[in-house]
N, C-alpha and C. Protein backbone atom coordinates (compact mmCIF):
# COMPACT_ATOMS: atom_id res chain seq x y z
N UNK A 1 -11.22 -37.61 8.61
CA UNK A 1 -10.34 -37.14 7.54
C UNK A 1 -10.24 -35.62 7.56
N UNK A 2 -9.12 -35.08 7.09
CA UNK A 2 -8.84 -33.65 7.14
C UNK A 2 -9.08 -32.97 5.80
N UNK A 3 -10.01 -33.43 5.02
CA UNK A 3 -10.20 -32.87 3.69
C UNK A 3 -10.55 -31.39 3.77
N UNK A 4 -9.78 -30.58 3.05
CA UNK A 4 -10.07 -29.14 2.97
C UNK A 4 -9.68 -28.36 4.20
N UNK A 5 -9.04 -28.96 5.19
CA UNK A 5 -8.64 -28.23 6.40
C UNK A 5 -7.19 -27.81 6.24
N UNK A 6 -6.99 -26.53 5.96
CA UNK A 6 -5.66 -26.04 5.66
C UNK A 6 -5.01 -25.33 6.85
N UNK A 7 -5.68 -25.24 7.96
CA UNK A 7 -5.17 -24.50 9.11
C UNK A 7 -3.99 -25.22 9.72
N UNK A 8 -2.88 -24.50 9.92
CA UNK A 8 -1.67 -25.10 10.48
C UNK A 8 -1.74 -25.05 12.00
N UNK A 9 -1.74 -26.22 12.64
CA UNK A 9 -1.83 -26.28 14.10
C UNK A 9 -0.49 -26.02 14.77
N UNK A 10 0.59 -26.01 14.00
CA UNK A 10 1.93 -25.69 14.49
C UNK A 10 2.39 -26.62 15.61
N UNK A 11 1.84 -27.83 15.67
CA UNK A 11 2.27 -28.81 16.67
C UNK A 11 1.94 -28.40 18.09
N UNK A 12 0.88 -27.62 18.30
CA UNK A 12 0.53 -27.12 19.62
C UNK A 12 -0.96 -27.31 19.88
N UNK A 13 -1.32 -27.28 21.14
CA UNK A 13 -2.74 -27.31 21.49
C UNK A 13 -3.35 -25.96 21.14
N UNK A 14 -4.67 -25.90 21.19
CA UNK A 14 -5.37 -24.69 20.80
C UNK A 14 -5.00 -23.51 21.69
N UNK A 15 -4.98 -23.71 22.98
CA UNK A 15 -4.69 -22.61 23.90
C UNK A 15 -3.24 -22.15 23.75
N UNK A 16 -2.31 -23.11 23.59
CA UNK A 16 -0.90 -22.76 23.41
C UNK A 16 -0.70 -21.97 22.11
N UNK A 17 -1.35 -22.40 21.05
CA UNK A 17 -1.22 -21.74 19.75
C UNK A 17 -1.77 -20.32 19.81
N UNK A 18 -2.94 -20.14 20.44
CA UNK A 18 -3.53 -18.80 20.53
C UNK A 18 -2.65 -17.85 21.35
N UNK A 19 -2.09 -18.37 22.45
CA UNK A 19 -1.22 -17.54 23.28
C UNK A 19 0.05 -17.16 22.52
N UNK A 20 0.61 -18.12 21.79
CA UNK A 20 1.83 -17.85 21.03
C UNK A 20 1.59 -16.82 19.94
N UNK A 21 0.49 -16.94 19.20
CA UNK A 21 0.19 -16.00 18.13
C UNK A 21 -0.11 -14.61 18.70
N UNK A 22 -0.77 -14.54 19.85
CA UNK A 22 -1.04 -13.25 20.48
C UNK A 22 0.27 -12.57 20.87
N UNK A 23 1.20 -13.34 21.45
CA UNK A 23 2.50 -12.77 21.82
C UNK A 23 3.29 -12.32 20.60
N UNK A 24 3.27 -13.14 19.56
CA UNK A 24 4.01 -12.78 18.35
C UNK A 24 3.41 -11.54 17.68
N UNK A 25 2.09 -11.46 17.67
CA UNK A 25 1.43 -10.29 17.07
C UNK A 25 1.75 -9.03 17.86
N UNK A 26 1.76 -9.12 19.18
CA UNK A 26 2.12 -7.96 20.01
C UNK A 26 3.56 -7.53 19.74
N UNK A 27 4.46 -8.51 19.63
CA UNK A 27 5.86 -8.19 19.35
C UNK A 27 6.01 -7.55 17.98
N UNK A 28 5.27 -8.05 17.00
CA UNK A 28 5.34 -7.48 15.65
C UNK A 28 4.86 -6.03 15.65
N UNK A 29 3.79 -5.75 16.37
CA UNK A 29 3.25 -4.39 16.40
C UNK A 29 4.21 -3.46 17.14
N UNK A 30 4.83 -3.94 18.21
CA UNK A 30 5.74 -3.08 18.98
C UNK A 30 7.06 -2.84 18.25
N UNK A 31 7.64 -3.91 17.66
CA UNK A 31 8.98 -3.81 17.08
C UNK A 31 8.98 -3.66 15.57
N UNK A 32 7.83 -3.82 14.93
CA UNK A 32 7.64 -3.65 13.47
C UNK A 32 8.30 -4.75 12.64
N UNK A 33 9.14 -5.62 13.24
CA UNK A 33 9.76 -6.73 12.52
C UNK A 33 10.22 -7.77 13.52
N UNK A 34 9.91 -9.05 13.24
CA UNK A 34 10.39 -10.12 14.10
C UNK A 34 10.91 -11.26 13.24
N UNK A 35 11.82 -12.04 13.78
CA UNK A 35 12.37 -13.20 13.09
C UNK A 35 11.79 -14.46 13.72
N UNK A 36 11.32 -15.37 12.89
CA UNK A 36 10.70 -16.61 13.37
C UNK A 36 10.80 -17.66 12.27
N UNK A 37 10.19 -18.80 12.48
CA UNK A 37 10.19 -19.82 11.43
C UNK A 37 9.18 -19.43 10.36
N UNK A 38 9.35 -19.98 9.19
CA UNK A 38 8.48 -19.64 8.07
C UNK A 38 7.03 -20.04 8.34
N UNK A 39 6.83 -21.20 8.94
CA UNK A 39 5.46 -21.66 9.21
C UNK A 39 4.76 -20.73 10.22
N UNK A 40 5.50 -20.32 11.25
CA UNK A 40 4.90 -19.41 12.24
C UNK A 40 4.63 -18.05 11.62
N UNK A 41 5.51 -17.59 10.73
CA UNK A 41 5.30 -16.29 10.08
C UNK A 41 4.05 -16.31 9.23
N UNK A 42 3.83 -17.40 8.51
CA UNK A 42 2.63 -17.49 7.67
C UNK A 42 1.37 -17.56 8.53
N UNK A 43 1.46 -18.26 9.65
CA UNK A 43 0.30 -18.33 10.56
C UNK A 43 0.05 -16.97 11.20
N UNK A 44 1.13 -16.26 11.53
CA UNK A 44 0.99 -14.94 12.15
C UNK A 44 0.37 -13.94 11.19
N UNK A 45 0.71 -14.06 9.91
CA UNK A 45 0.15 -13.12 8.94
C UNK A 45 -1.37 -13.21 8.91
N UNK A 46 -1.91 -14.42 8.89
CA UNK A 46 -3.37 -14.57 8.86
C UNK A 46 -4.01 -14.15 10.17
N UNK A 47 -3.21 -14.10 11.25
CA UNK A 47 -3.73 -13.71 12.56
C UNK A 47 -3.75 -12.19 12.73
N UNK A 48 -2.68 -11.52 12.26
CA UNK A 48 -2.51 -10.10 12.57
C UNK A 48 -3.13 -9.17 11.53
N UNK A 49 -3.24 -9.58 10.29
CA UNK A 49 -3.76 -8.67 9.27
C UNK A 49 -5.22 -8.27 9.49
N UNK A 50 -6.11 -9.18 9.90
CA UNK A 50 -7.46 -8.72 10.22
C UNK A 50 -7.50 -7.73 11.39
N UNK A 51 -6.57 -7.86 12.33
CA UNK A 51 -6.52 -6.92 13.45
C UNK A 51 -6.09 -5.54 12.98
N UNK A 52 -5.16 -5.50 12.04
CA UNK A 52 -4.73 -4.20 11.50
C UNK A 52 -5.87 -3.55 10.71
N UNK A 53 -6.61 -4.35 9.98
CA UNK A 53 -7.78 -3.82 9.26
C UNK A 53 -8.79 -3.26 10.25
N UNK A 54 -8.98 -3.94 11.36
CA UNK A 54 -9.93 -3.50 12.38
C UNK A 54 -9.47 -2.18 13.01
N UNK A 55 -8.16 -1.96 13.06
CA UNK A 55 -7.65 -0.75 13.70
C UNK A 55 -7.92 0.50 12.88
N UNK A 56 -8.27 0.36 11.61
CA UNK A 56 -8.58 1.53 10.79
C UNK A 56 -9.83 2.24 11.29
N UNK A 57 -10.73 1.51 11.93
CA UNK A 57 -11.95 2.08 12.49
C UNK A 57 -11.76 2.21 13.99
N UNK A 58 -11.39 3.40 14.45
CA UNK A 58 -11.02 3.59 15.85
C UNK A 58 -12.27 3.85 16.69
N UNK A 59 -12.89 2.77 17.13
CA UNK A 59 -14.03 2.86 18.03
C UNK A 59 -13.74 2.01 19.26
N UNK A 60 -14.54 2.21 20.29
CA UNK A 60 -14.36 1.43 21.52
C UNK A 60 -14.58 -0.05 21.23
N UNK A 61 -15.55 -0.35 20.42
CA UNK A 61 -15.86 -1.76 20.11
C UNK A 61 -14.68 -2.43 19.40
N UNK A 62 -14.10 -1.74 18.39
CA UNK A 62 -12.99 -2.36 17.67
C UNK A 62 -11.76 -2.47 18.57
N UNK A 63 -11.54 -1.52 19.47
CA UNK A 63 -10.42 -1.62 20.41
C UNK A 63 -10.59 -2.83 21.33
N UNK A 64 -11.80 -3.03 21.80
CA UNK A 64 -12.03 -4.17 22.69
C UNK A 64 -11.89 -5.49 21.94
N UNK A 65 -12.34 -5.52 20.71
CA UNK A 65 -12.21 -6.73 19.91
C UNK A 65 -10.74 -7.07 19.69
N UNK A 66 -9.94 -6.07 19.33
CA UNK A 66 -8.51 -6.29 19.10
C UNK A 66 -7.82 -6.69 20.40
N UNK A 67 -8.22 -6.08 21.52
CA UNK A 67 -7.61 -6.43 22.81
C UNK A 67 -7.91 -7.88 23.20
N UNK A 68 -9.08 -8.38 22.79
CA UNK A 68 -9.40 -9.78 23.11
C UNK A 68 -8.48 -10.75 22.39
N UNK A 69 -7.90 -10.31 21.26
CA UNK A 69 -6.94 -11.14 20.54
C UNK A 69 -5.51 -10.93 21.05
N UNK A 70 -5.12 -9.67 21.25
CA UNK A 70 -3.72 -9.38 21.58
C UNK A 70 -3.41 -9.52 23.07
N UNK A 71 -4.36 -9.15 23.93
CA UNK A 71 -4.19 -9.22 25.39
C UNK A 71 -3.00 -8.40 25.87
N UNK A 72 -2.77 -7.24 25.22
CA UNK A 72 -1.66 -6.37 25.58
C UNK A 72 -2.08 -4.92 25.30
N UNK A 73 -2.24 -4.13 26.37
CA UNK A 73 -2.73 -2.75 26.20
C UNK A 73 -1.76 -1.88 25.41
N UNK A 74 -0.46 -2.07 25.65
CA UNK A 74 0.52 -1.25 24.94
C UNK A 74 0.47 -1.52 23.44
N UNK A 75 0.37 -2.79 23.08
CA UNK A 75 0.32 -3.14 21.65
C UNK A 75 -0.94 -2.57 21.01
N UNK A 76 -2.07 -2.62 21.72
CA UNK A 76 -3.32 -2.08 21.18
C UNK A 76 -3.18 -0.57 20.98
N UNK A 77 -2.58 0.12 21.94
CA UNK A 77 -2.41 1.57 21.83
C UNK A 77 -1.52 1.92 20.63
N UNK A 78 -0.42 1.19 20.47
CA UNK A 78 0.48 1.45 19.34
C UNK A 78 -0.22 1.15 18.02
N UNK A 79 -0.99 0.06 18.00
CA UNK A 79 -1.70 -0.33 16.77
C UNK A 79 -2.67 0.76 16.33
N UNK A 80 -3.45 1.28 17.27
CA UNK A 80 -4.47 2.26 16.90
C UNK A 80 -3.89 3.67 16.73
N UNK A 81 -2.74 3.94 17.34
CA UNK A 81 -2.16 5.28 17.24
C UNK A 81 -1.22 5.41 16.04
N UNK A 82 -0.24 4.52 15.93
CA UNK A 82 0.79 4.66 14.91
C UNK A 82 0.49 3.86 13.64
N UNK A 83 0.23 2.57 13.84
CA UNK A 83 0.12 1.67 12.68
C UNK A 83 -1.09 2.01 11.82
N UNK A 84 -2.22 2.31 12.45
CA UNK A 84 -3.43 2.58 11.67
C UNK A 84 -3.28 3.83 10.81
N UNK A 85 -2.50 4.82 11.28
CA UNK A 85 -2.27 6.02 10.47
C UNK A 85 -1.43 5.70 9.23
N UNK A 86 -0.43 4.85 9.40
CA UNK A 86 0.45 4.52 8.27
C UNK A 86 -0.27 3.69 7.22
N UNK A 87 -1.17 2.79 7.63
CA UNK A 87 -1.79 1.87 6.68
C UNK A 87 -3.17 2.34 6.25
N UNK A 88 -3.51 3.60 6.51
CA UNK A 88 -4.87 4.08 6.25
C UNK A 88 -5.27 3.92 4.79
N UNK A 89 -4.34 4.14 3.85
CA UNK A 89 -4.68 4.09 2.42
C UNK A 89 -4.38 2.75 1.79
N UNK A 90 -3.90 1.79 2.56
CA UNK A 90 -3.52 0.50 2.01
C UNK A 90 -4.70 -0.47 2.13
N UNK A 91 -5.14 -1.08 1.03
CA UNK A 91 -6.31 -1.96 1.09
C UNK A 91 -5.99 -3.41 1.44
N UNK A 92 -5.03 -3.64 2.31
CA UNK A 92 -4.65 -4.99 2.69
C UNK A 92 -3.18 -5.22 2.41
N UNK A 93 -2.68 -6.39 2.77
CA UNK A 93 -1.27 -6.70 2.54
C UNK A 93 -0.36 -5.87 3.40
N UNK A 94 -0.63 -5.85 4.71
CA UNK A 94 0.12 -4.98 5.62
C UNK A 94 1.46 -5.57 6.03
N UNK A 95 1.66 -6.87 5.82
CA UNK A 95 2.89 -7.52 6.27
C UNK A 95 3.66 -8.09 5.08
N UNK A 96 4.96 -8.29 5.29
CA UNK A 96 5.83 -8.86 4.27
C UNK A 96 6.66 -9.94 4.93
N UNK A 97 6.74 -11.12 4.29
CA UNK A 97 7.54 -12.23 4.80
C UNK A 97 8.73 -12.40 3.86
N UNK A 98 9.94 -12.36 4.43
CA UNK A 98 11.16 -12.54 3.64
C UNK A 98 11.91 -13.73 4.22
N UNK A 99 12.23 -14.71 3.36
CA UNK A 99 12.90 -15.92 3.81
C UNK A 99 14.37 -15.63 4.10
N UNK A 100 14.90 -16.39 5.08
CA UNK A 100 16.30 -16.27 5.47
C UNK A 100 16.95 -17.65 5.36
N UNK A 101 18.22 -17.74 5.77
CA UNK A 101 18.90 -19.03 5.77
C UNK A 101 18.29 -19.95 6.82
N UNK A 102 18.43 -21.25 6.59
CA UNK A 102 17.89 -22.21 7.55
C UNK A 102 18.65 -22.12 8.87
N UNK A 103 17.94 -22.45 9.95
CA UNK A 103 18.53 -22.40 11.28
C UNK A 103 19.57 -23.49 11.43
N UNK A 104 20.68 -23.18 12.10
CA UNK A 104 21.78 -24.13 12.21
C UNK A 104 21.42 -25.37 13.04
N UNK A 105 20.69 -25.19 14.11
CA UNK A 105 20.44 -26.31 15.02
C UNK A 105 19.59 -27.41 14.42
N UNK A 106 18.45 -27.05 13.86
CA UNK A 106 17.52 -28.07 13.35
C UNK A 106 17.20 -27.90 11.87
N UNK A 107 17.89 -26.99 11.20
CA UNK A 107 17.70 -26.76 9.76
C UNK A 107 16.28 -26.30 9.42
N UNK A 108 15.64 -25.59 10.37
CA UNK A 108 14.27 -25.10 10.13
C UNK A 108 14.33 -23.90 9.19
N UNK A 109 13.32 -23.77 8.34
CA UNK A 109 13.23 -22.62 7.43
C UNK A 109 12.91 -21.38 8.26
N UNK A 110 13.77 -20.38 8.17
CA UNK A 110 13.59 -19.16 8.93
C UNK A 110 13.14 -18.03 8.01
N UNK A 111 12.46 -17.04 8.61
CA UNK A 111 12.00 -15.88 7.86
C UNK A 111 11.81 -14.74 8.84
N UNK A 112 11.80 -13.52 8.31
CA UNK A 112 11.34 -12.44 9.18
C UNK A 112 10.10 -11.83 8.57
N UNK A 113 9.20 -11.43 9.45
CA UNK A 113 7.94 -10.83 9.04
C UNK A 113 7.97 -9.39 9.53
N UNK A 114 7.56 -8.47 8.67
CA UNK A 114 7.62 -7.06 9.02
C UNK A 114 6.37 -6.35 8.52
N UNK A 115 6.11 -5.19 9.12
CA UNK A 115 5.03 -4.34 8.65
C UNK A 115 5.55 -3.55 7.46
N UNK A 116 4.83 -3.59 6.35
CA UNK A 116 5.31 -3.06 5.08
C UNK A 116 5.61 -1.57 5.15
N UNK A 117 4.75 -0.79 5.77
CA UNK A 117 4.88 0.66 5.73
C UNK A 117 5.97 1.19 6.66
N UNK A 118 6.55 0.33 7.49
CA UNK A 118 7.57 0.79 8.43
C UNK A 118 8.98 0.46 7.96
N UNK A 119 9.13 -0.13 6.80
CA UNK A 119 10.46 -0.43 6.26
C UNK A 119 10.88 0.73 5.37
N UNK A 120 11.90 1.47 5.80
CA UNK A 120 12.32 2.66 5.07
C UNK A 120 13.11 2.31 3.81
N UNK A 121 13.60 1.08 3.69
CA UNK A 121 14.38 0.69 2.52
C UNK A 121 13.48 0.60 1.29
N UNK A 122 12.31 -0.02 1.46
CA UNK A 122 11.41 -0.25 0.33
C UNK A 122 10.50 0.94 0.05
N UNK A 123 10.24 1.77 1.05
CA UNK A 123 9.34 2.90 0.86
C UNK A 123 10.14 4.04 0.26
N UNK A 124 9.73 4.51 -0.91
CA UNK A 124 10.44 5.58 -1.60
C UNK A 124 9.80 6.92 -1.26
N UNK A 125 10.53 7.74 -0.53
CA UNK A 125 10.06 9.10 -0.25
C UNK A 125 8.78 9.15 0.55
N UNK A 126 8.55 8.22 1.43
CA UNK A 126 7.34 8.22 2.23
C UNK A 126 6.19 7.59 1.48
N UNK A 127 5.15 7.27 2.23
CA UNK A 127 4.00 6.61 1.61
C UNK A 127 2.99 7.67 1.18
N UNK A 128 3.15 8.18 -0.04
CA UNK A 128 2.24 9.18 -0.58
C UNK A 128 1.40 8.60 -1.69
N UNK A 129 1.18 7.29 -1.64
CA UNK A 129 0.40 6.66 -2.69
C UNK A 129 -1.07 6.94 -2.47
N UNK A 130 -1.80 7.05 -3.56
CA UNK A 130 -3.23 7.25 -3.46
C UNK A 130 -3.91 5.93 -3.15
N UNK A 131 -5.12 6.03 -2.64
CA UNK A 131 -5.85 4.83 -2.28
C UNK A 131 -6.24 4.06 -3.54
N UNK A 132 -5.90 2.77 -3.54
CA UNK A 132 -6.26 1.94 -4.68
C UNK A 132 -7.70 1.48 -4.56
N UNK A 133 -8.35 1.35 -5.70
CA UNK A 133 -9.71 0.84 -5.65
C UNK A 133 -9.67 -0.67 -5.46
N UNK A 134 -10.72 -1.18 -4.87
CA UNK A 134 -10.78 -2.62 -4.63
C UNK A 134 -11.06 -3.33 -5.94
N UNK A 135 -10.83 -4.64 -5.94
CA UNK A 135 -11.02 -5.41 -7.17
C UNK A 135 -12.34 -6.16 -7.16
N UNK A 136 -13.20 -5.86 -6.21
CA UNK A 136 -14.50 -6.52 -6.19
C UNK A 136 -15.39 -5.94 -7.27
N UNK A 137 -16.24 -6.77 -7.83
CA UNK A 137 -17.10 -6.31 -8.91
C UNK A 137 -18.21 -5.42 -8.36
N UNK A 138 -18.38 -4.25 -8.97
CA UNK A 138 -19.50 -3.38 -8.65
C UNK A 138 -19.44 -2.76 -7.27
N UNK A 139 -18.27 -2.71 -6.66
CA UNK A 139 -18.19 -2.18 -5.30
C UNK A 139 -18.08 -0.66 -5.34
N UNK A 140 -19.22 0.00 -5.41
CA UNK A 140 -19.23 1.44 -5.34
C UNK A 140 -18.81 2.16 -6.60
N UNK A 141 -18.79 1.47 -7.72
CA UNK A 141 -18.39 2.15 -8.96
C UNK A 141 -19.37 3.26 -9.31
N UNK A 142 -20.66 2.96 -9.15
CA UNK A 142 -21.66 3.96 -9.50
C UNK A 142 -21.55 5.17 -8.60
N UNK A 143 -21.33 4.93 -7.29
CA UNK A 143 -21.19 6.06 -6.36
C UNK A 143 -19.95 6.88 -6.70
N UNK A 144 -18.84 6.20 -6.98
CA UNK A 144 -17.60 6.91 -7.31
C UNK A 144 -17.76 7.70 -8.61
N UNK A 145 -18.42 7.08 -9.61
CA UNK A 145 -18.62 7.76 -10.88
C UNK A 145 -19.53 8.98 -10.70
N UNK A 146 -20.57 8.83 -9.87
CA UNK A 146 -21.47 9.94 -9.63
C UNK A 146 -20.75 11.08 -8.90
N UNK A 147 -19.91 10.72 -7.94
CA UNK A 147 -19.17 11.75 -7.20
C UNK A 147 -18.19 12.48 -8.13
N UNK A 148 -17.49 11.73 -8.99
CA UNK A 148 -16.57 12.35 -9.94
C UNK A 148 -17.32 13.24 -10.92
N UNK A 149 -18.47 12.77 -11.39
CA UNK A 149 -19.26 13.57 -12.33
C UNK A 149 -19.73 14.86 -11.67
N UNK A 150 -20.15 14.76 -10.40
CA UNK A 150 -20.63 15.95 -9.70
C UNK A 150 -19.50 16.96 -9.52
N UNK A 151 -18.32 16.48 -9.13
CA UNK A 151 -17.21 17.41 -8.93
C UNK A 151 -16.76 18.02 -10.25
N UNK A 152 -16.69 17.20 -11.31
CA UNK A 152 -16.27 17.75 -12.60
C UNK A 152 -17.32 18.72 -13.14
N UNK A 153 -18.60 18.44 -12.87
CA UNK A 153 -19.66 19.35 -13.33
C UNK A 153 -19.56 20.69 -12.60
N UNK A 154 -19.24 20.65 -11.29
CA UNK A 154 -19.08 21.89 -10.55
C UNK A 154 -17.91 22.70 -11.10
N UNK A 155 -16.81 22.01 -11.40
CA UNK A 155 -15.64 22.70 -11.94
C UNK A 155 -15.97 23.33 -13.29
N UNK A 156 -16.66 22.58 -14.14
CA UNK A 156 -17.04 23.10 -15.46
C UNK A 156 -17.96 24.30 -15.30
N UNK A 157 -18.94 24.20 -14.38
CA UNK A 157 -19.86 25.31 -14.16
C UNK A 157 -19.11 26.56 -13.69
N UNK A 158 -18.14 26.38 -12.78
CA UNK A 158 -17.36 27.52 -12.31
C UNK A 158 -16.57 28.14 -13.46
N UNK A 159 -15.97 27.30 -14.31
CA UNK A 159 -15.21 27.82 -15.44
C UNK A 159 -16.10 28.58 -16.41
N UNK A 160 -17.30 28.06 -16.66
CA UNK A 160 -18.23 28.72 -17.59
C UNK A 160 -18.64 30.08 -17.02
N UNK A 161 -18.94 30.12 -15.71
CA UNK A 161 -19.33 31.40 -15.09
C UNK A 161 -18.19 32.40 -15.20
N UNK A 162 -16.95 31.96 -14.95
CA UNK A 162 -15.80 32.86 -15.06
C UNK A 162 -15.63 33.37 -16.49
N UNK A 163 -15.80 32.48 -17.47
CA UNK A 163 -15.65 32.88 -18.87
C UNK A 163 -16.73 33.90 -19.26
N UNK A 164 -17.96 33.64 -18.80
CA UNK A 164 -19.06 34.56 -19.14
C UNK A 164 -18.80 35.92 -18.52
N UNK A 165 -18.35 35.94 -17.26
CA UNK A 165 -18.07 37.21 -16.60
C UNK A 165 -16.94 37.96 -17.32
N UNK A 166 -15.90 37.22 -17.70
CA UNK A 166 -14.77 37.89 -18.36
C UNK A 166 -15.18 38.41 -19.74
N UNK A 167 -16.00 37.66 -20.47
CA UNK A 167 -16.44 38.16 -21.79
C UNK A 167 -17.36 39.36 -21.65
N UNK A 168 -18.19 39.37 -20.60
CA UNK A 168 -19.07 40.53 -20.39
C UNK A 168 -18.23 41.76 -20.09
N UNK A 169 -17.20 41.59 -19.25
CA UNK A 169 -16.33 42.73 -18.93
C UNK A 169 -15.61 43.21 -20.20
N UNK A 170 -15.15 42.26 -20.99
CA UNK A 170 -14.42 42.64 -22.21
C UNK A 170 -15.34 43.36 -23.19
N UNK A 171 -16.55 42.88 -23.32
CA UNK A 171 -17.48 43.52 -24.27
C UNK A 171 -17.87 44.91 -23.79
N UNK A 172 -17.98 45.09 -22.47
CA UNK A 172 -18.32 46.42 -21.96
C UNK A 172 -17.20 47.40 -22.26
N UNK A 173 -15.96 46.94 -22.16
CA UNK A 173 -14.82 47.82 -22.40
C UNK A 173 -14.67 48.15 -23.89
N UNK A 174 -14.90 47.18 -24.75
CA UNK A 174 -14.60 47.37 -26.18
C UNK A 174 -15.78 47.84 -27.01
N UNK A 175 -17.00 47.72 -26.51
CA UNK A 175 -18.14 48.11 -27.34
C UNK A 175 -18.23 49.62 -27.44
N UNK A 176 -18.43 50.14 -28.65
CA UNK A 176 -18.59 51.59 -28.81
C UNK A 176 -19.99 52.00 -28.35
N UNK A 177 -20.12 53.25 -28.08
CA UNK A 177 -21.43 53.73 -27.63
C UNK A 177 -22.43 53.57 -28.78
N UNK A 178 -23.69 53.45 -28.40
CA UNK A 178 -24.73 53.20 -29.41
C UNK A 178 -24.98 54.43 -30.28
N UNK A 179 -24.68 55.60 -29.74
CA UNK A 179 -24.88 56.80 -30.54
C UNK A 179 -23.75 56.89 -31.57
N UNK A 180 -24.09 57.30 -32.76
CA UNK A 180 -23.08 57.45 -33.79
C UNK A 180 -22.32 58.75 -33.57
N UNK A 181 -21.04 58.69 -33.81
CA UNK A 181 -20.22 59.89 -33.60
C UNK A 181 -20.52 60.90 -34.71
N UNK A 182 -20.61 62.13 -34.30
CA UNK A 182 -20.86 63.20 -35.27
C UNK A 182 -19.57 63.47 -36.02
N UNK A 183 -19.65 64.05 -37.20
CA UNK A 183 -18.43 64.35 -37.96
C UNK A 183 -17.47 65.24 -37.19
N UNK A 184 -17.97 66.11 -36.34
CA UNK A 184 -17.09 66.99 -35.58
C UNK A 184 -16.29 66.16 -34.56
N UNK A 185 -16.97 65.20 -33.93
CA UNK A 185 -16.29 64.35 -32.94
C UNK A 185 -15.24 63.49 -33.63
N UNK A 186 -15.54 62.99 -34.83
CA UNK A 186 -14.57 62.17 -35.56
C UNK A 186 -13.34 62.99 -35.89
N UNK A 187 -13.54 64.22 -36.27
CA UNK A 187 -12.42 65.09 -36.60
C UNK A 187 -11.55 65.34 -35.38
N UNK A 188 -12.20 65.57 -34.20
CA UNK A 188 -11.45 65.80 -32.96
C UNK A 188 -10.62 64.58 -32.59
N UNK A 189 -11.21 63.39 -32.76
CA UNK A 189 -10.47 62.17 -32.40
C UNK A 189 -9.27 61.97 -33.34
N UNK A 190 -9.42 62.30 -34.61
CA UNK A 190 -8.31 62.20 -35.55
C UNK A 190 -7.19 63.18 -35.20
N UNK A 191 -7.58 64.40 -34.78
CA UNK A 191 -6.58 65.37 -34.39
C UNK A 191 -5.79 64.86 -33.18
N UNK A 192 -6.49 64.24 -32.21
CA UNK A 192 -5.80 63.74 -31.00
C UNK A 192 -4.84 62.60 -31.37
N UNK A 193 -5.25 61.75 -32.31
CA UNK A 193 -4.38 60.67 -32.72
C UNK A 193 -3.11 61.20 -33.40
N UNK A 194 -3.27 62.26 -34.22
CA UNK A 194 -2.11 62.85 -34.89
C UNK A 194 -1.14 63.45 -33.89
N UNK A 195 -1.67 64.10 -32.84
CA UNK A 195 -0.83 64.71 -31.82
C UNK A 195 -0.02 63.66 -31.07
N UNK A 196 -0.62 62.48 -30.85
CA UNK A 196 0.07 61.42 -30.09
C UNK A 196 1.15 60.85 -30.95
């Protein structure tokens, strides 16, 4: 029985399916958008998104791992050079599937799958979005809060030092001398004020 087995075999043997998904993933990375059936697009999404996540960490090991799936050097180079830079701040959801009209020959549901960050229609003024925090519970909240507190504390300390320095300068300029002015000096200062 197939209880709980949701993997779509796409009517192909294991080797045929793996080769087809590798070719489709390479085409998607090279051309940024491909048209296929809806079932293949959904299968391709689960195949290619982990590879894009792996490309964010540009090491020899991750390149070799991705190459074992794609089997195409050009696609691997494009993935690690162009695509990984565009999706650096995106925490997943690198592809978009949009349904199209059914195919005329066999009435199959058609769709095109594209890389989200390469569609200029939906991207407004470039991808300048800040990195979103993950939705996992307790994933680095304490570290992030500590880092924010440290940076805000440094800023506050710098502001306090600047205020203290400015008040010291102001008090030095405005404070009268400790010696009391003699009546003769007071008279001279009054005469100068009258002349001005």
